[in-house]
Each structure stands twice: as structure tokens, then as C-alpha cells.
């Protein structure tokens, strides 16, 4: 599984990063705002799982569903 967290280290970004870590989910962290802009992201954090892009609320739901 290929997981990428796009983060600006805002409060929501920190929450999502800690949730991923608490579930021992390995992820790549991208902090480059230029990459986020190129992808058309208007907010952060965004989580990409095998090409599926999720906003904060969907990402939290996905993390919570992982064993």
C-alpha cells in the first residue's frame, strides 16, 4: 500500500499524522506546498492511499477503519 500524507503541520495535519503513527501505518510525508498546489489541493492535510485522495474527515475515517 502506498500512503502519502500532504501536510503543512497545521493542527489537523498533526492530528492525522499522530493517528497514522498510533496505528503503525507507514507513510511518506510531503511538506512541499508547491507539490500540493500542483495537485490542486486547496487545503491540508490530504491523504493519498494508492492514488485515492482523501480530505481530513475521510482520512480520519479511513485510519480508524484500519486494523
C-alpha atoms as a PDB file:
ATOM      1  CA  UNK A   1       0.000   0.000   0.000  1.00  0.00           C
ATOM      2  CA  UNK A   2       1.336   3.416  -0.978  1.00  0.00           C
ATOM      3  CA  UNK A   3       0.351   6.106   1.556  1.00  0.00           C
ATOM      4  CA  UNK A   4       1.311   9.790   1.297  1.00  0.00           C
ATOM      5  CA  UNK A   5       0.431  12.478   3.833  1.00  0.00           C
ATOM      6  CA  UNK A   6       0.462  16.029   2.473  1.00  0.00           C
ATOM      7  CA  UNK A   7       0.995  18.278   5.487  1.00  0.00           C
ATOM      8  CA  UNK A   8       1.575  21.916   6.392  1.00  0.00           C
ATOM      9  CA  UNK A   9       1.875  20.994  10.101  1.00  0.00           C
ATOM     10  CA  UNK A  10      -1.401  22.745  10.901  1.00  0.00           C
ATOM     11  CA  UNK A  11      -3.370  21.371  13.889  1.00  0.00           C
ATOM     12  CA  UNK A  12      -5.407  18.994  11.675  1.00  0.00           C
ATOM     13  CA  UNK A  13      -2.233  17.831   9.939  1.00  0.00           C
ATOM     14  CA  UNK A  14      -0.671  16.992  13.295  1.00  0.00           C
ATOM     15  CA  UNK A  15      -3.797  15.091  14.412  1.00  0.00           C
ATOM     16  CA  UNK A  16      -3.825  12.992  11.223  1.00  0.00           C
ATOM     17  CA  UNK A  17      -0.095  12.289  11.428  1.00  0.00           C
ATOM     18  CA  UNK A  18      -0.433  11.118  15.057  1.00  0.00           C
ATOM     19  CA  UNK A  19      -3.417   8.916  14.139  1.00  0.00           C
ATOM     20  CA  UNK A  20      -1.389   7.250  11.379  1.00  0.00           C
ATOM     21  CA  UNK A  21       1.519   6.707  13.761  1.00  0.00           C
ATOM     22  CA  UNK A  22      -0.746   5.312  16.503  1.00  0.00           C
ATOM     23  CA  UNK A  23      -1.980   2.640  14.066  1.00  0.00           C
ATOM     24  CA  UNK A  24       1.612   1.912  12.934  1.00  0.00           C
ATOM     25  CA  UNK A  25       0.707   2.863   9.366  1.00  0.00           C
ATOM     26  CA  UNK A  26       3.806   3.657   7.320  1.00  0.00           C
ATOM     27  CA  UNK A  27       3.505   6.758   5.161  1.00  0.00           C
ATOM     28  CA  UNK A  28       5.559   9.215   3.160  1.00  0.00           C
ATOM     29  CA  UNK A  29       5.349  12.814   4.379  1.00  0.00           C
ATOM     30  CA  UNK A  30       5.258  15.600   1.781  1.00  0.00           C
ATOM     31  CA  UNK A  31       5.551  19.154   3.098  1.00  0.00           C
ATOM     32  CA  UNK A  32       6.248  20.950  -0.185  1.00  0.00           C
ATOM     33  CA  UNK A  33       3.387  23.394  -0.763  1.00  0.00           C
ATOM     34  CA  UNK A  34       4.306  23.657  -4.463  1.00  0.00           C
ATOM     35  CA  UNK A  35       3.554  19.949  -4.919  1.00  0.00           C
ATOM     36  CA  UNK A  36       0.227  20.389  -3.119  1.00  0.00           C
ATOM     37  CA  UNK A  37      -0.678  23.349  -5.344  1.00  0.00           C
ATOM     38  CA  UNK A  38       0.271  21.367  -8.476  1.00  0.00           C
ATOM     39  CA  UNK A  39      -2.098  18.593  -7.346  1.00  0.00           C
ATOM     40  CA  UNK A  40      -4.866  21.188  -6.943  1.00  0.00           C
ATOM     41  CA  UNK A  41      -5.197  20.874  -3.175  1.00  0.00           C
ATOM     42  CA  UNK A  42      -6.961  23.844  -1.601  1.00  0.00           C
ATOM     43  CA  UNK A  43      -6.438  22.712   1.991  1.00  0.00           C
ATOM     44  CA  UNK A  44      -4.337  20.421   4.137  1.00  0.00           C
ATOM     45  CA  UNK A  45      -3.950  17.757   5.293  1.00  0.00           C
ATOM     46  CA  UNK A  46      -4.667  15.448   2.399  1.00  0.00           C
ATOM     47  CA  UNK A  47      -4.029  11.720   2.471  1.00  0.00           C
ATOM     48  CA  UNK A  48      -3.338   9.685  -0.646  1.00  0.00           C
ATOM     49  CA  UNK A  49      -3.799   5.927  -0.416  1.00  0.00           C
ATOM     50  CA  UNK A  50      -2.939   4.029  -3.600  1.00  0.00           C
ATOM     51  CA  UNK A  51      -3.967   7.052  -5.690  1.00  0.00           C
ATOM     52  CA  UNK A  52      -7.200   7.746  -3.768  1.00  0.00           C
ATOM     53  CA  UNK A  53      -7.142  11.303  -2.359  1.00  0.00           C
ATOM     54  CA  UNK A  54      -8.931  11.962   0.944  1.00  0.00           C
ATOM     55  CA  UNK A  55      -9.596  15.154   2.852  1.00  0.00           C
ATOM     56  CA  UNK A  56      -9.196  15.298   6.642  1.00  0.00           C
ATOM     57  CA  UNK A  57     -12.546  13.784   7.618  1.00  0.00           C
ATOM     58  CA  UNK A  58     -12.359  10.936   5.089  1.00  0.00           C
ATOM     59  CA  UNK A  59      -8.737  10.287   6.045  1.00  0.00           C
ATOM     60  CA  UNK A  60      -9.626  10.026   9.745  1.00  0.00           C
ATOM     61  CA  UNK A  61     -12.422   7.578   8.892  1.00  0.00           C
ATOM     62  CA  UNK A  62     -10.008   5.513   6.775  1.00  0.00           C
ATOM     63  CA  UNK A  63      -7.359   5.428   9.517  1.00  0.00           C
ATOM     64  CA  UNK A  64      -9.962   4.442  12.128  1.00  0.00           C
ATOM     65  CA  UNK A  65     -11.096   1.557   9.894  1.00  0.00           C
ATOM     66  CA  UNK A  66      -7.585   0.085   9.695  1.00  0.00           C
ATOM     67  CA  UNK A  67      -6.737  -2.829  11.995  1.00  0.00           C
END
